[in-house]
PDB file of N, CA and C in Angstrom:
ATOM      1  N   MET A   1       0.689  -1.271   0.092  1.00  0.00           N
ATOM      2  CA  MET A   1       0.221   0.169   0.061  1.00  0.00           C
ATOM      3  C   MET A   1       0.909   1.207  -0.063  1.00  0.00           C
ATOM      4  N   ASN A   2       0.699   2.217  -0.906  1.00  0.00           N
ATOM      5  CA  ASN A   2       1.374   3.449  -1.308  1.00  0.00           C
ATOM      6  C   ASN A   2       0.385   4.319   0.203  1.00  0.00           C
ATOM      7  N   VAL A   3       1.705   4.916   0.822  1.00  0.00           N
ATOM      8  CA  VAL A   3       1.172   6.224   1.750  1.00  0.00           C
ATOM      9  C   VAL A   3       2.861   6.983   1.827  1.00  0.00           C
ATOM     10  N   LEU A   4       2.108   8.247   1.606  1.00  0.00           N
ATOM     11  CA  LEU A   4       3.015   9.655   1.182  1.00  0.00           C
ATOM     12  C   LEU A   4       2.686  10.507   2.487  1.00  0.00           C
ATOM     13  N   VAL A   5       3.659  10.769   3.485  1.00  0.00           N
ATOM     14  CA  VAL A   5       3.515  11.627   4.489  1.00  0.00           C
ATOM     15  C   VAL A   5       4.366  12.801   3.964  1.00  0.00           C
ATOM     16  N   THR A   6       4.093  14.240   4.198  1.00  0.00           N
ATOM     17  CA  THR A   6       4.411  15.189   4.195  1.00  0.00           C
ATOM     18  C   THR A   6       3.771  16.455   5.098  1.00  0.00           C
ATOM     19  N   GLY A   7       4.632  17.461   5.160  1.00  0.00           N
ATOM     20  CA  GLY A   7       4.100  18.614   6.374  1.00  0.00           C
ATOM     21  C   GLY A   7       5.059  18.466   7.968  1.00  0.00           C
ATOM     22  N   GLU A   8       4.914  19.214   8.481  1.00  0.00           N
ATOM     23  CA  GLU A   8       5.591  18.997   9.717  1.00  0.00           C
ATOM     24  C   GLU A   8       4.466  19.680  10.929  1.00  0.00           C
ATOM     25  N   GLY A   9       3.068  20.053  10.633  1.00  0.00           N
ATOM     26  CA  GLY A   9       1.960  20.666  11.644  1.00  0.00           C
ATOM     27  C   GLY A   9       2.261  19.551  12.714  1.00  0.00           C
ATOM     28  N   LYS A  10       1.640  19.953  13.923  1.00  0.00           N
ATOM     29  CA  LYS A  10       1.515  19.381  15.003  1.00  0.00           C
ATOM     30  C   LYS A  10       0.187  18.693  14.879  1.00  0.00           C
ATOM     31  N   GLN A  11      -0.906  18.465  14.180  1.00  0.00           N
ATOM     32  CA  GLN A  11      -2.259  18.129  13.463  1.00  0.00           C
ATOM     33  C   GLN A  11      -1.881  17.292  12.594  1.00  0.00           C
ATOM     34  N   THR A  12      -2.780  16.142  12.359  1.00  0.00           N
ATOM     35  CA  THR A  12      -2.709  15.487  11.338  1.00  0.00           C
ATOM     36  C   THR A  12      -3.539  15.219  10.876  1.00  0.00           C
ATOM     37  N   ILE A  13      -3.627  15.345   9.523  1.00  0.00           N
ATOM     38  CA  ILE A  13      -4.592  14.541   8.242  1.00  0.00           C
ATOM     39  C   ILE A  13      -4.341  13.752   7.929  1.00  0.00           C
ATOM     40  N   VAL A  14      -5.299  12.204   7.711  1.00  0.00           N
ATOM     41  CA  VAL A  14      -5.246  11.083   6.947  1.00  0.00           C
ATOM     42  C   VAL A  14      -6.482  11.539   5.879  1.00  0.00           C
ATOM     43  N   TRP A  15      -5.867  11.344   4.644  1.00  0.00           N
ATOM     44  CA  TRP A  15      -5.846  11.807   3.262  1.00  0.00           C
ATOM     45  C   TRP A  15      -6.661  10.412   2.489  1.00  0.00           C
ATOM     46  N   ILE A  16      -7.794   9.960   2.256  1.00  0.00           N
ATOM     47  CA  ILE A  16      -8.057   8.726   1.942  1.00  0.00           C
ATOM     48  C   ILE A  16      -8.976   9.486   0.437  1.00  0.00           C
ATOM     49  N   PRO A  17      -8.421   8.690  -0.807  1.00  0.00           N
ATOM     50  CA  PRO A  17      -8.667   9.543  -1.905  1.00  0.00           C
ATOM     51  C   PRO A  17      -9.913   8.923  -2.729  1.00  0.00           C
ATOM     52  N   GLY A  18     -10.584   9.569  -3.172  1.00  0.00           N
ATOM     53  CA  GLY A  18     -11.867   9.005  -4.297  1.00  0.00           C
ATOM     54  C   GLY A  18     -11.646   8.300  -5.154  1.00  0.00           C
ATOM     55  N   TYR A  19     -12.599   7.704  -5.454  1.00  0.00           N
ATOM     56  CA  TYR A  19     -12.663   6.201  -7.106  1.00  0.00           C
ATOM     57  C   TYR A  19     -12.153   6.699  -8.017  1.00  0.00           C
ATOM     58  N   GLY A  20     -10.650   6.427  -8.478  1.00  0.00           N
ATOM     59  CA  GLY A  20     -10.685   6.437 -10.056  1.00  0.00           C
ATOM     60  C   GLY A  20      -9.137   7.399  -9.458  1.00  0.00           C
ATOM     61  N   ASP A  21      -9.295   8.109  -8.393  1.00  0.00           N
ATOM     62  CA  ASP A  21      -8.157   9.018  -8.179  1.00  0.00           C
ATOM     63  C   ASP A  21      -6.455   8.017  -8.929  1.00  0.00           C
ATOM     64  N   ILE A  22      -6.015   8.569  -9.707  1.00  0.00           N
ATOM     65  CA  ILE A  22      -4.998   7.417 -10.157  1.00  0.00           C
ATOM     66  C   ILE A  22      -3.630   7.455  -9.666  1.00  0.00           C
ATOM     67  N   ALA A  23      -3.729   9.177  -8.732  1.00  0.00           N
ATOM     68  CA  ALA A  23      -2.116   9.168  -7.383  1.00  0.00           C
ATOM     69  C   ALA A  23      -2.210  10.230  -6.857  1.00  0.00           C
ATOM     70  N   PRO A  24      -3.024  10.247  -6.259  1.00  0.00           N
ATOM     71  CA  PRO A  24      -3.472  11.349  -5.079  1.00  0.00           C
ATOM     72  C   PRO A  24      -1.804  12.282  -4.382  1.00  0.00           C
ATOM     73  N   GLY A  25      -1.298  11.440  -3.877  1.00  0.00           N
ATOM     74  CA  GLY A  25      -0.227  12.183  -3.986  1.00  0.00           C
ATOM     75  C   GLY A  25       0.641  12.945  -4.586  1.00  0.00           C
ATOM     76  N   LEU A  26       0.142  12.757  -5.961  1.00  0.00           N
ATOM     77  CA  LEU A  26       0.467  13.848  -7.128  1.00  0.00           C
ATOM     78  C   LEU A  26      -0.460  14.409  -7.920  1.00  0.00           C
ATOM     79  N   SER A  27      -1.375  13.862  -8.147  1.00  0.00           N
ATOM     80  CA  SER A  27      -3.047  15.176  -8.497  1.00  0.00           C
ATOM     81  C   SER A  27      -2.529  16.022  -7.847  1.00  0.00           C
ATOM     82  N   TYR A  28      -2.771  15.737  -6.753  1.00  0.00           N
ATOM     83  CA  TYR A  28      -3.338  16.828  -5.231  1.00  0.00           C
ATOM     84  C   TYR A  28      -2.329  17.894  -4.677  1.00  0.00           C
ATOM     85  N   THR A  29      -0.811  17.716  -5.797  1.00  0.00           N
ATOM     86  CA  THR A  29       0.076  18.201  -5.034  1.00  0.00           C
ATOM     87  C   THR A  29      -0.090  20.139  -4.528  1.00  0.00           C
ATOM     88  N   LYS A  30      -0.678  20.842  -5.384  1.00  0.00           N
ATOM     89  CA  LYS A  30      -1.238  22.142  -4.341  1.00  0.00           C
ATOM     90  C   LYS A  30      -2.131  22.071  -3.391  1.00  0.00           C
ATOM     91  N   MET A  31      -3.149  21.354  -3.419  1.00  0.00           N
ATOM     92  CA  MET A  31      -3.586  21.270  -1.638  1.00  0.00           C
ATOM     93  C   MET A  31      -2.587  20.920  -0.907  1.00  0.00           C
ATOM     94  N   LEU A  32      -1.870  19.509  -1.093  1.00  0.00           N
ATOM     95  CA  LEU A  32      -0.852  19.586  -0.397  1.00  0.00           C
ATOM     96  C   LEU A  32       0.279  20.170   0.024  1.00  0.00           C
ATOM     97  N   GLU A  33       0.724  20.821  -0.860  1.00  0.00           N
ATOM     98  CA  GLU A  33       1.900  22.396  -0.548  1.00  0.00           C
ATOM     99  C   GLU A  33       0.983  23.463   0.101  1.00  0.00           C
ATOM    100  N   GLU A  34      -0.137  23.478   0.248  1.00  0.00           N
ATOM    101  CA  GLU A  34      -1.157  24.211   0.713  1.00  0.00           C
ATOM    102  C   GLU A  34      -1.272  23.782   2.559  1.00  0.00           C
ATOM    103  N   LEU A  35      -1.670  22.975   2.448  1.00  0.00           N
ATOM    104  CA  LEU A  35      -1.711  21.859   4.107  1.00  0.00           C
ATOM    105  C   LEU A  35      -0.155  21.648   4.740  1.00  0.00           C
ATOM    106  N   SER A  36       0.724  21.675   3.827  1.00  0.00           N
ATOM    107  CA  SER A  36       1.928  20.983   5.042  1.00  0.00           C
ATOM    108  C   SER A  36       2.451  22.012   5.988  1.00  0.00           C
ATOM    109  N   PRO A  37       2.555  23.388   5.416  1.00  0.00           N
ATOM    110  CA  PRO A  37       3.040  24.094   6.615  1.00  0.00           C
ATOM    111  C   PRO A  37       2.233  24.125   7.873  1.00  0.00           C
ATOM    112  N   HIS A  38       1.238  24.155   8.054  1.00  0.00           N
ATOM    113  CA  HIS A  38       0.574  23.888   8.407  1.00  0.00           C
ATOM    114  C   HIS A  38       0.136  22.235   9.650  1.00  0.00           C
ATOM    115  N   TYR A  39      -0.302  21.189   8.681  1.00  0.00           N
ATOM    116  CA  TYR A  39      -0.369  19.785   9.339  1.00  0.00           C
ATOM    117  C   TYR A  39       0.314  19.029   9.046  1.00  0.00           C
ATOM    118  N   ARG A  40       0.757  17.579   9.281  1.00  0.00           N
ATOM    119  CA  ARG A  40       1.190  16.946   8.616  1.00  0.00           C
ATOM    120  C   ARG A  40       0.116  16.318   8.340  1.00  0.00           C
ATOM    121  N   VAL A  41       0.253  15.660   6.723  1.00  0.00           N
ATOM    122  CA  VAL A  41      -0.574  15.103   5.767  1.00  0.00           C
ATOM    123  C   VAL A  41      -0.138  13.518   5.551  1.00  0.00           C
ATOM    124  N   VAL A  42      -1.402  12.893   5.671  1.00  0.00           N
ATOM    125  CA  VAL A  42      -0.851  10.919   5.693  1.00  0.00           C
ATOM    126  C   VAL A  42      -1.844  10.808   4.471  1.00  0.00           C
ATOM    127  N   VAL A  43      -1.527  10.861   2.888  1.00  0.00           N
ATOM    128  CA  VAL A  43      -2.133  10.587   2.083  1.00  0.00           C
ATOM    129  C   VAL A  43      -2.178   8.620   2.069  1.00  0.00           C
ATOM    130  N   VAL A  44      -2.774   8.401   2.383  1.00  0.00           N
ATOM    131  CA  VAL A  44      -3.621   6.933   2.129  1.00  0.00           C
ATOM    132  C   VAL A  44      -3.963   6.147   0.623  1.00  0.00           C
ATOM    133  N   GLU A  45      -3.239   5.810  -0.331  1.00  0.00           N
ATOM    134  CA  GLU A  45      -3.887   5.309  -1.229  1.00  0.00           C
ATOM    135  C   GLU A  45      -4.021   3.679  -1.153  1.00  0.00           C
ATOM    136  N   PRO A  46      -5.950   3.368  -1.010  1.00  0.00           N
ATOM    137  CA  PRO A  46      -5.786   1.804  -0.087  1.00  0.00           C
ATOM    138  C   PRO A  46      -5.280   1.297  -1.384  1.00  0.00           C
ATOM    139  N   PHE A  47      -5.548  -0.260  -1.407  1.00  0.00           N
ATOM    140  CA  PHE A  47      -4.998  -1.455  -2.551  1.00  0.00           C
ATOM    141  C   PHE A  47      -6.104  -1.089  -3.629  1.00  0.00           C
ATOM    142  N   GLY A  48      -5.453  -0.890  -4.973  1.00  0.00           N
ATOM    143  CA  GLY A  48      -6.063  -0.682  -5.934  1.00  0.00           C
ATOM    144  C   GLY A  48      -6.177   0.502  -6.263  1.00  0.00           C
ATOM    145  N   TYR A  49      -5.624   1.410  -5.901  1.00  0.00           N
ATOM    146  CA  TYR A  49      -5.939   3.075  -5.901  1.00  0.00           C
ATOM    147  C   TYR A  49      -4.058   3.369  -6.332  1.00  0.00           C
ATOM    148  N   GLY A  50      -4.285   4.462  -6.972  1.00  0.00           N
ATOM    149  CA  GLY A  50      -3.303   5.184  -7.071  1.00  0.00           C
ATOM    150  C   GLY A  50      -2.104   4.371  -7.638  1.00  0.00           C
ATOM    151  N   LEU A  51      -0.939   4.086  -6.414  1.00  0.00           N
ATOM    152  CA  LEU A  51       0.353   3.371  -6.492  1.00  0.00           C
ATOM    153  C   LEU A  51       0.832   2.203  -5.910  1.00  0.00           C
ATOM    154  N   SER A  52      -0.516   2.025  -5.064  1.00  0.00           N
ATOM    155  CA  SER A  52      -0.468   0.585  -4.441  1.00  0.00           C
ATOM    156  C   SER A  52      -1.065  -0.378  -5.080  1.00  0.00           C
ATOM    157  N   ASP A  53      -0.487  -2.014  -4.958  1.00  0.00           N
ATOM    158  CA  ASP A  53      -0.530  -2.946  -5.499  1.00  0.00           C
ATOM    159  C   ASP A  53      -1.984  -3.186  -5.485  1.00  0.00           C
ATOM    160  N   ILE A  54      -2.100  -3.936  -6.796  1.00  0.00           N
ATOM    161  CA  ILE A  54      -3.805  -4.566  -6.808  1.00  0.00           C
ATOM    162  C   ILE A  54      -4.006  -5.851  -6.034  1.00  0.00           C
ATOM    163  N   ILE A  55      -4.606  -6.340  -4.914  1.00  0.00           N
ATOM    164  CA  ILE A  55      -4.461  -7.355  -4.591  1.00  0.00           C
ATOM    165  C   ILE A  55      -5.796  -7.978  -4.912  1.00  0.00           C
ATOM    166  N   ASP A  56      -5.426  -9.332  -4.254  1.00  0.00           N
ATOM    167  CA  ASP A  56      -7.076 -10.848  -4.705  1.00  0.00           C
ATOM    168  C   ASP A  56      -8.101 -10.225  -3.294  1.00  0.00           C
ATOM    169  N   GLU A  57      -8.077  -9.771  -2.064  1.00  0.00           N
ATOM    170  CA  GLU A  57      -8.927  -9.756  -1.083  1.00  0.00           C
ATOM    171  C   GLU A  57      -9.968  -8.938  -1.531  1.00  0.00           C
ATOM    172  N   PRO A  58     -11.036  -8.881  -1.377  1.00  0.00           N
ATOM    173  CA  PRO A  58     -12.582  -8.478  -1.725  1.00  0.00           C
ATOM    174  C   PRO A  58     -12.340  -6.722  -1.069  1.00  0.00           C
ATOM    175  N   ARG A  59     -13.062  -5.912  -2.706  1.00  0.00           N
ATOM    176  CA  ARG A  59     -12.724  -4.652  -2.022  1.00  0.00           C
ATOM    177  C   ARG A  59     -13.894  -4.038  -1.463  1.00  0.00           C
ATOM    178  N   THR A  60     -14.231  -4.712   0.012  1.00  0.00           N
ATOM    179  CA  THR A  60     -15.510  -4.367   0.701  1.00  0.00           C
ATOM    180  C   THR A  60     -14.962  -2.962   1.310  1.00  0.00           C
ATOM    181  N   ILE A  61     -15.986  -2.352   1.545  1.00  0.00           N
ATOM    182  CA  ILE A  61     -15.706  -1.631   2.645  1.00  0.00           C
ATOM    183  C   ILE A  61     -14.942  -1.514   3.874  1.00  0.00           C
ATOM    184  N   GLU A  62     -15.860  -2.645   4.584  1.00  0.00           N
ATOM    185  CA  GLU A  62     -14.786  -3.369   5.818  1.00  0.00           C
ATOM    186  C   GLU A  62     -13.296  -3.445   5.555  1.00  0.00           C
ATOM    187  N   ASN A  63     -12.824  -4.551   4.264  1.00  0.00           N
ATOM    188  CA  ASN A  63     -11.604  -4.726   4.044  1.00  0.00           C
ATOM    189  C   ASN A  63     -10.898  -3.282   3.941  1.00  0.00           C
ATOM    190  N   ILE A  64     -11.841  -2.296   3.218  1.00  0.00           N
ATOM    191  CA  ILE A  64     -10.607  -1.238   2.828  1.00  0.00           C
ATOM    192  C   ILE A  64     -10.299  -0.310   4.028  1.00  0.00           C
ATOM    193  N   THR A  65     -11.683  -0.452   4.655  1.00  0.00           N
ATOM    194  CA  THR A  65     -11.317   0.777   6.267  1.00  0.00           C
ATOM    195  C   THR A  65     -10.203  -0.171   6.906  1.00  0.00           C
ATOM    196  N   GLU A  66     -10.491  -1.475   7.160  1.00  0.00           N
ATOM    197  CA  GLU A  66      -9.114  -1.213   8.135  1.00  0.00           C
ATOM    198  C   GLU A  66      -7.953  -1.789   7.192  1.00  0.00           C
ATOM    199  N   GLU A  67      -8.026  -1.938   6.059  1.00  0.00           N
ATOM    200  CA  GLU A  67      -6.348  -1.696   5.148  1.00  0.00           C
ATOM    201  C   GLU A  67      -6.188  -0.001   5.951  1.00  0.00           C
ATOM    202  N   ILE A  68      -6.800   0.719   5.222  1.00  0.00           N
ATOM    203  CA  ILE A  68      -6.495   1.957   5.941  1.00  0.00           C
ATOM    204  C   ILE A  68      -5.736   2.199   7.035  1.00  0.00           C
ATOM    205  N   HIS A  69      -6.646   1.476   7.970  1.00  0.00           N
ATOM    206  CA  HIS A  69      -6.757   1.857  10.129  1.00  0.00           C
ATOM    207  C   HIS A  69      -4.906   1.217   9.711  1.00  0.00           C
ATOM    208  N   GLU A  70      -4.513   0.148   9.220  1.00  0.00           N
ATOM    209  CA  GLU A  70      -3.600  -0.238   9.018  1.00  0.00           C
ATOM    210  C   GLU A  70      -1.860  -0.011   8.487  1.00  0.00           C
ATOM    211  N   ALA A  71      -2.449   1.055   8.020  1.00  0.00           N
ATOM    212  CA  ALA A  71      -1.520   1.396   7.461  1.00  0.00           C
ATOM    213  C   ALA A  71      -1.481   2.825   8.128  1.00  0.00           C
ATOM    214  N   VAL A  72      -2.564   3.585   8.407  1.00  0.00           N
ATOM    215  CA  VAL A  72      -2.313   4.798   9.547  1.00  0.00           C
ATOM    216  C   VAL A  72      -1.519   4.359  11.249  1.00  0.00           C
ATOM    217  N   LYS A  73      -1.580   3.072  11.010  1.00  0.00           N
ATOM    218  CA  LYS A  73      -0.931   2.529  12.375  1.00  0.00           C
ATOM    219  C   LYS A  73       0.390   2.369  12.298  1.00  0.00           C
ATOM    220  N   GLN A  74       0.892   2.142  10.937  1.00  0.00           N
ATOM    221  CA  GLN A  74       2.332   1.765  10.557  1.00  0.00           C
ATOM    222  C   GLN A  74       2.946   2.595  10.946  1.00  0.00           C
ATOM    223  N   VAL A  75       2.484   4.065   9.995  1.00  0.00           N
ATOM    224  CA  VAL A  75       2.828   5.549  10.341  1.00  0.00           C
ATOM    225  C   VAL A  75       3.092   5.770  11.711  1.00  0.00           C
ATOM    226  N   GLY A  76       2.743   5.164  12.433  1.00  0.00           N
ATOM    227  CA  GLY A  76       2.427   5.767  13.999  1.00  0.00           C
ATOM    228  C   GLY A  76       1.776   6.958  14.308  1.00  0.00           C
ATOM    229  N   VAL A  77       0.555   7.154  13.250  1.00  0.00           N
ATOM    230  CA  VAL A  77      -0.376   8.056  13.904  1.00  0.00           C
ATOM    231  C   VAL A  77      -1.232   7.568  14.774  1.00  0.00           C
ATOM    232  N   ASP A  78      -1.476   8.188  15.641  1.00  0.00           N
ATOM    233  CA  ASP A  78      -3.231   7.792  16.833  1.00  0.00           C
ATOM    234  C   ASP A  78      -4.041   9.208  16.454  1.00  0.00           C
ATOM    235  N   LYS A  79      -4.029  10.400  16.416  1.00  0.00           N
ATOM    236  CA  LYS A  79      -4.853  10.969  16.835  1.00  0.00           C
ATOM    237  C   LYS A  79      -5.004  11.821  15.232  1.00  0.00           C
ATOM    238  N   TYR A  80      -6.089  12.158  14.600  1.00  0.00           N
ATOM    239  CA  TYR A  80      -5.875  12.733  13.209  1.00  0.00           C
ATOM    240  C   TYR A  80      -7.052  12.935  12.593  1.00  0.00           C
ATOM    241  N   ILE A  81      -7.199  13.835  11.892  1.00  0.00           N
ATOM    242  CA  ILE A  81      -8.411  14.469  11.165  1.00  0.00           C
ATOM    243  C   ILE A  81      -8.180  13.646   9.868  1.00  0.00           C
ATOM    244  N   LEU A  82      -9.950  12.975   9.331  1.00  0.00           N
ATOM    245  CA  LEU A  82      -9.666  11.562   8.727  1.00  0.00           C
ATOM    246  C   LEU A  82     -10.407  12.984   7.541  1.00  0.00           C
ATOM    247  N   MET A  83      -9.460  12.991   6.071  1.00  0.00           N
ATOM    248  CA  MET A  83     -10.165  13.930   4.750  1.00  0.00           C
ATOM    249  C   MET A  83     -10.550  12.917   4.012  1.00  0.00           C
ATOM    250  N   GLY A  84     -11.850  12.836   3.268  1.00  0.00           N
ATOM    251  CA  GLY A  84     -11.936  11.604   2.528  1.00  0.00           C
ATOM    252  C   GLY A  84     -12.831  12.530   1.179  1.00  0.00           C
ATOM    253  N   HIS A  85     -12.009  12.140   0.144  1.00  0.00           N
ATOM    254  CA  HIS A  85     -13.114  12.688  -1.134  1.00  0.00           C
ATOM    255  C   HIS A  85     -13.271  11.239  -2.011  1.00  0.00           C
ATOM    256  N   SER A  86     -14.479  11.895  -2.404  1.00  0.00           N
ATOM    257  CA  SER A  86     -15.666  11.174  -2.974  1.00  0.00           C
ATOM    258  C   SER A  86     -16.206   9.965  -2.628  1.00  0.00           C
ATOM    259  N   ILE A  87     -15.963   8.711  -3.177  1.00  0.00           N
ATOM    260  CA  ILE A  87     -16.762   7.483  -2.189  1.00  0.00           C
ATOM    261  C   ILE A  87     -15.835   7.743  -0.704  1.00  0.00           C
ATOM    262  N   SER A  88     -14.608   8.126  -0.373  1.00  0.00           N
ATOM    263  CA  SER A  88     -14.206   8.148   0.295  1.00  0.00           C
ATOM    264  C   SER A  88     -15.343   8.136   1.585  1.00  0.00           C
ATOM    265  N   GLY A  89     -16.125   9.415   0.729  1.00  0.00           N
ATOM    266  CA  GLY A  89     -16.951   9.537   2.503  1.00  0.00           C
ATOM    267  C   GLY A  89     -17.816   8.585   2.835  1.00  0.00           C
ATOM    268  N   VAL A  90     -18.101   7.568   2.054  1.00  0.00           N
ATOM    269  CA  VAL A  90     -18.399   6.031   2.465  1.00  0.00           C
ATOM    270  C   VAL A  90     -17.363   5.820   3.187  1.00  0.00           C
ATOM    271  N   TYR A  91     -16.121   5.503   2.507  1.00  0.00           N
ATOM    272  CA  TYR A  91     -15.269   4.425   3.386  1.00  0.00           C
ATOM    273  C   TYR A  91     -15.297   5.444   5.320  1.00  0.00           C
ATOM    274  N   GLY A  92     -14.915   6.672   5.063  1.00  0.00           N
ATOM    275  CA  GLY A  92     -15.001   7.220   6.272  1.00  0.00           C
ATOM    276  C   GLY A  92     -15.958   7.506   7.563  1.00  0.00           C
ATOM    277  N   MET A  93     -17.390   7.373   7.123  1.00  0.00           N
ATOM    278  CA  MET A  93     -18.037   6.688   7.794  1.00  0.00           C
ATOM    279  C   MET A  93     -17.918   6.079   8.685  1.00  0.00           C
ATOM    280  N   LYS A  94     -17.850   4.929   7.574  1.00  0.00           N
ATOM    281  CA  LYS A  94     -17.291   3.407   8.265  1.00  0.00           C
ATOM    282  C   LYS A  94     -16.292   3.328   9.266  1.00  0.00           C
ATOM    283  N   TYR A  95     -15.213   4.261   8.419  1.00  0.00           N
ATOM    284  CA  TYR A  95     -14.196   4.137   9.504  1.00  0.00           C
ATOM    285  C   TYR A  95     -14.386   5.116  10.894  1.00  0.00           C
ATOM    286  N   ILE A  96     -15.217   5.842  11.062  1.00  0.00           N
ATOM    287  CA  ILE A  96     -15.398   7.198  12.043  1.00  0.00           C
ATOM    288  C   ILE A  96     -16.041   6.029  12.856  1.00  0.00           C
ATOM    289  N   ASP A  97     -17.593   5.054  12.650  1.00  0.00           N
ATOM    290  CA  ASP A  97     -17.552   4.192  13.394  1.00  0.00           C
ATOM    291  C   ASP A  97     -16.732   3.471  14.397  1.00  0.00           C
ATOM    292  N   ARG A  98     -16.249   2.847  13.346  1.00  0.00           N
ATOM    293  CA  ARG A  98     -15.020   1.657  14.000  1.00  0.00           C
ATOM    294  C   ARG A  98     -14.076   2.159  14.846  1.00  0.00           C
ATOM    295  N   TYR A  99     -13.304   3.366  14.344  1.00  0.00           N
ATOM    296  CA  TYR A  99     -11.953   3.877  14.949  1.00  0.00           C
ATOM    297  C   TYR A  99     -12.441   5.588  15.593  1.00  0.00           C
ATOM    298  N   ARG A 100     -13.541   5.659  16.444  1.00  0.00           N
ATOM    299  CA  ARG A 100     -14.371   6.810  16.417  1.00  0.00           C
ATOM    300  C   ARG A 100     -13.383   7.184  17.481  1.00  0.00           C
ATOM    301  N   ASP A 101     -12.475   6.683  18.006  1.00  0.00           N
ATOM    302  CA  ASP A 101     -11.044   7.253  19.918  1.00  0.00           C
ATOM    303  C   ASP A 101     -10.051   7.691  19.069  1.00  0.00           C
ATOM    304  N   GLU A 102     -10.036   7.504  18.047  1.00  0.00           N
ATOM    305  CA  GLU A 102      -8.288   8.085  17.111  1.00  0.00           C
ATOM    306  C   GLU A 102      -8.984   9.431  16.365  1.00  0.00           C
ATOM    307  N   VAL A 103     -10.264   9.521  15.416  1.00  0.00           N
ATOM    308  CA  VAL A 103     -10.693  10.601  14.705  1.00  0.00           C
ATOM    309  C   VAL A 103     -10.869  11.779  15.683  1.00  0.00           C
ATOM    310  N   THR A 104     -10.327  12.517  15.196  1.00  0.00           N
ATOM    311  CA  THR A 104     -10.902  14.108  15.789  1.00  0.00           C
ATOM    312  C   THR A 104     -11.610  15.310  14.978  1.00  0.00           C
ATOM    313  N   GLY A 105     -11.873  14.844  13.923  1.00  0.00           N
ATOM    314  CA  GLY A 105     -12.785  15.666  12.607  1.00  0.00           C
ATOM    315  C   GLY A 105     -12.981  14.778  11.106  1.00  0.00           C
ATOM    316  N   PHE A 106     -13.457  15.559  10.832  1.00  0.00           N
ATOM    317  CA  PHE A 106     -13.907  14.863   9.533  1.00  0.00           C
ATOM    318  C   PHE A 106     -13.996  16.041   8.623  1.00  0.00           C
ATOM    319  N   ILE A 107     -12.968  15.834   7.096  1.00  0.00           N
ATOM    320  CA  ILE A 107     -13.532  17.054   6.224  1.00  0.00           C
ATOM    321  C   ILE A 107     -13.489  15.778   5.287  1.00  0.00           C
ATOM    322  N   GLY A 108     -15.252  16.288   4.323  1.00  0.00           N
ATOM    323  CA  GLY A 108     -15.267  15.538   2.993  1.00  0.00           C
ATOM    324  C   GLY A 108     -15.288  16.792   2.296  1.00  0.00           C
ATOM    325  N   LEU A 109     -14.548  16.334   0.661  1.00  0.00           N
ATOM    326  CA  LEU A 109     -14.210  16.697  -0.467  1.00  0.00           C
ATOM    327  C   LEU A 109     -15.361  16.011  -1.540  1.00  0.00           C
ATOM    328  N   ASP A 110     -16.079  16.662  -1.637  1.00  0.00           N
ATOM    329  CA  ASP A 110     -17.382  16.292  -2.582  1.00  0.00           C
ATOM    330  C   ASP A 110     -17.540  14.727  -2.205  1.00  0.00           C
ATOM    331  N   SER A 111     -17.772  14.509  -1.485  1.00  0.00           N
ATOM    332  CA  SER A 111     -17.879  13.190  -0.479  1.00  0.00           C
ATOM    333  C   SER A 111     -19.658  12.722  -0.940  1.00  0.00           C
ATOM    334  N   SER A 112     -19.054  11.402  -1.394  1.00  0.00           N
ATOM    335  CA  SER A 112     -20.180  10.217  -1.769  1.00  0.00           C
ATOM    336  C   SER A 112     -21.126   9.935   0.417  1.00  0.00           C
ATOM    337  N   THR A 113     -22.137   9.578   0.215  1.00  0.00           N
ATOM    338  CA  THR A 113     -22.341   9.371   1.412  1.00  0.00           C
ATOM    339  C   THR A 113     -23.706   7.663   1.125  1.00  0.00           C
ATOM    340  N   PRO A 114     -23.745   6.725   2.079  1.00  0.00           N
ATOM    341  CA  PRO A 114     -24.494   6.128   1.406  1.00  0.00           C
ATOM    342  C   PRO A 114     -26.054   6.015   1.021  1.00  0.00           C
ATOM    343  N   ASN A 115     -26.973   5.604   0.498  1.00  0.00           N
ATOM    344  CA  ASN A 115     -27.796   5.814  -0.239  1.00  0.00           C
ATOM    345  C   ASN A 115     -27.850   7.278  -1.119  1.00  0.00           C
ATOM    346  N   MET A 116     -27.335   7.796  -0.819  1.00  0.00           N
ATOM    347  CA  MET A 116     -27.386   9.588  -1.766  1.00  0.00           C
ATOM    348  C   MET A 116     -27.694   9.273  -2.958  1.00  0.00           C
ATOM    349  N   GLN A 117     -27.879   8.221  -4.004  1.00  0.00           N
ATOM    350  CA  GLN A 117     -28.680   8.432  -4.970  1.00  0.00           C
ATOM    351  C   GLN A 117     -29.750   8.443  -4.658  1.00  0.00           C
ATOM    352  N   GLY A 118     -30.120   7.053  -4.172  1.00  0.00           N
ATOM    353  CA  GLY A 118     -31.931   7.094  -3.678  1.00  0.00           C
ATOM    354  C   GLY A 118     -32.626   8.453  -2.809  1.00  0.00           C
ATOM    355  N   CYS A 119     -31.448   9.095  -2.039  1.00  0.00           N
ATOM    356  CA  CYS A 119     -31.903  10.386  -1.730  1.00  0.00           C
ATOM    357  C   CYS A 119     -32.402  11.052  -2.642  1.00  0.00           C
ATOM    358  N   CYS A 120     -31.496  11.296  -3.720  1.00  0.00           N
ATOM    359  CA  CYS A 120     -31.556  12.152  -4.458  1.00  0.00           C
ATOM    360  C   CYS A 120     -33.264  11.964  -5.367  1.00  0.00           C
ATOM    361  N   GLN A 121     -33.243  10.768  -5.801  1.00  0.00           N
ATOM    362  CA  GLN A 121     -34.221  10.657  -6.726  1.00  0.00           C
ATOM    363  C   GLN A 121     -35.592  10.706  -5.971  1.00  0.00           C
ATOM    364  N   GLN A 122     -35.746  10.524  -4.250  1.00  0.00           N
ATOM    365  CA  GLN A 122     -37.151  10.920  -4.045  1.00  0.00           C
ATOM    366  C   GLN A 122     -37.347  12.114  -3.945  1.00  0.00           C
ATOM    367  N   LYS A 123     -36.146  13.415  -3.610  1.00  0.00           N
ATOM    368  CA  LYS A 123     -36.566  14.312  -3.864  1.00  0.00           C
ATOM    369  C   LYS A 123     -37.068  14.892  -5.360  1.00  0.00           C
ATOM    370  N   CYS A 124     -36.851  14.179  -6.059  1.00  0.00           N
ATOM    371  CA  CYS A 124     -36.969  14.494  -7.408  1.00  0.00           C
ATOM    372  C   CYS A 124     -37.857  14.077  -8.178  1.00  0.00           C
ATOM    373  N   ASN A 125     -38.061  12.632  -7.366  1.00  0.00           N
ATOM    374  CA  ASN A 125     -40.157  12.520  -8.151  1.00  0.00           C
ATOM    375  C   ASN A 125     -41.217  13.056  -7.760  1.00  0.00           C
TER     376      ASN A 125
END
C-alpha cells in the first residue's frame, strides 16, 4: 500500500482518495503544498488505488477501512483528522464508526454518502 507523508504540523490529516484517483500524492500536489506548513498530511492510497498494488482481497468497505487503519498505525499516527474525497466519504463514515477514539474530525471533499442516489431520486420524483 502506498502512503505519502508530508508536512510538519502538530495536527495530522489522514487523506483517503476518491474512486479512480490515479495517484493522489501527485494529483493533489497544490493542495498538499497548502496544507503541509500547517499539518502533517498522510495520504493513504488503498490497495487498487493510485500507486498501491492490486490484491485479491475483496474490495468491501470493511476490508478497505481495516487496510487504511493498518496503514495509519504503521505510520505511527494515533489522533488525526480524516479527510475523504468522493467515495471515501462512505469509507470515512465506516472508519469513524469503527475508530471513533482516534478520529478528531472529518473533512469531506465532494463526499459520497450511503443511499445518496436514492435520496436524490426521492426528492426529484
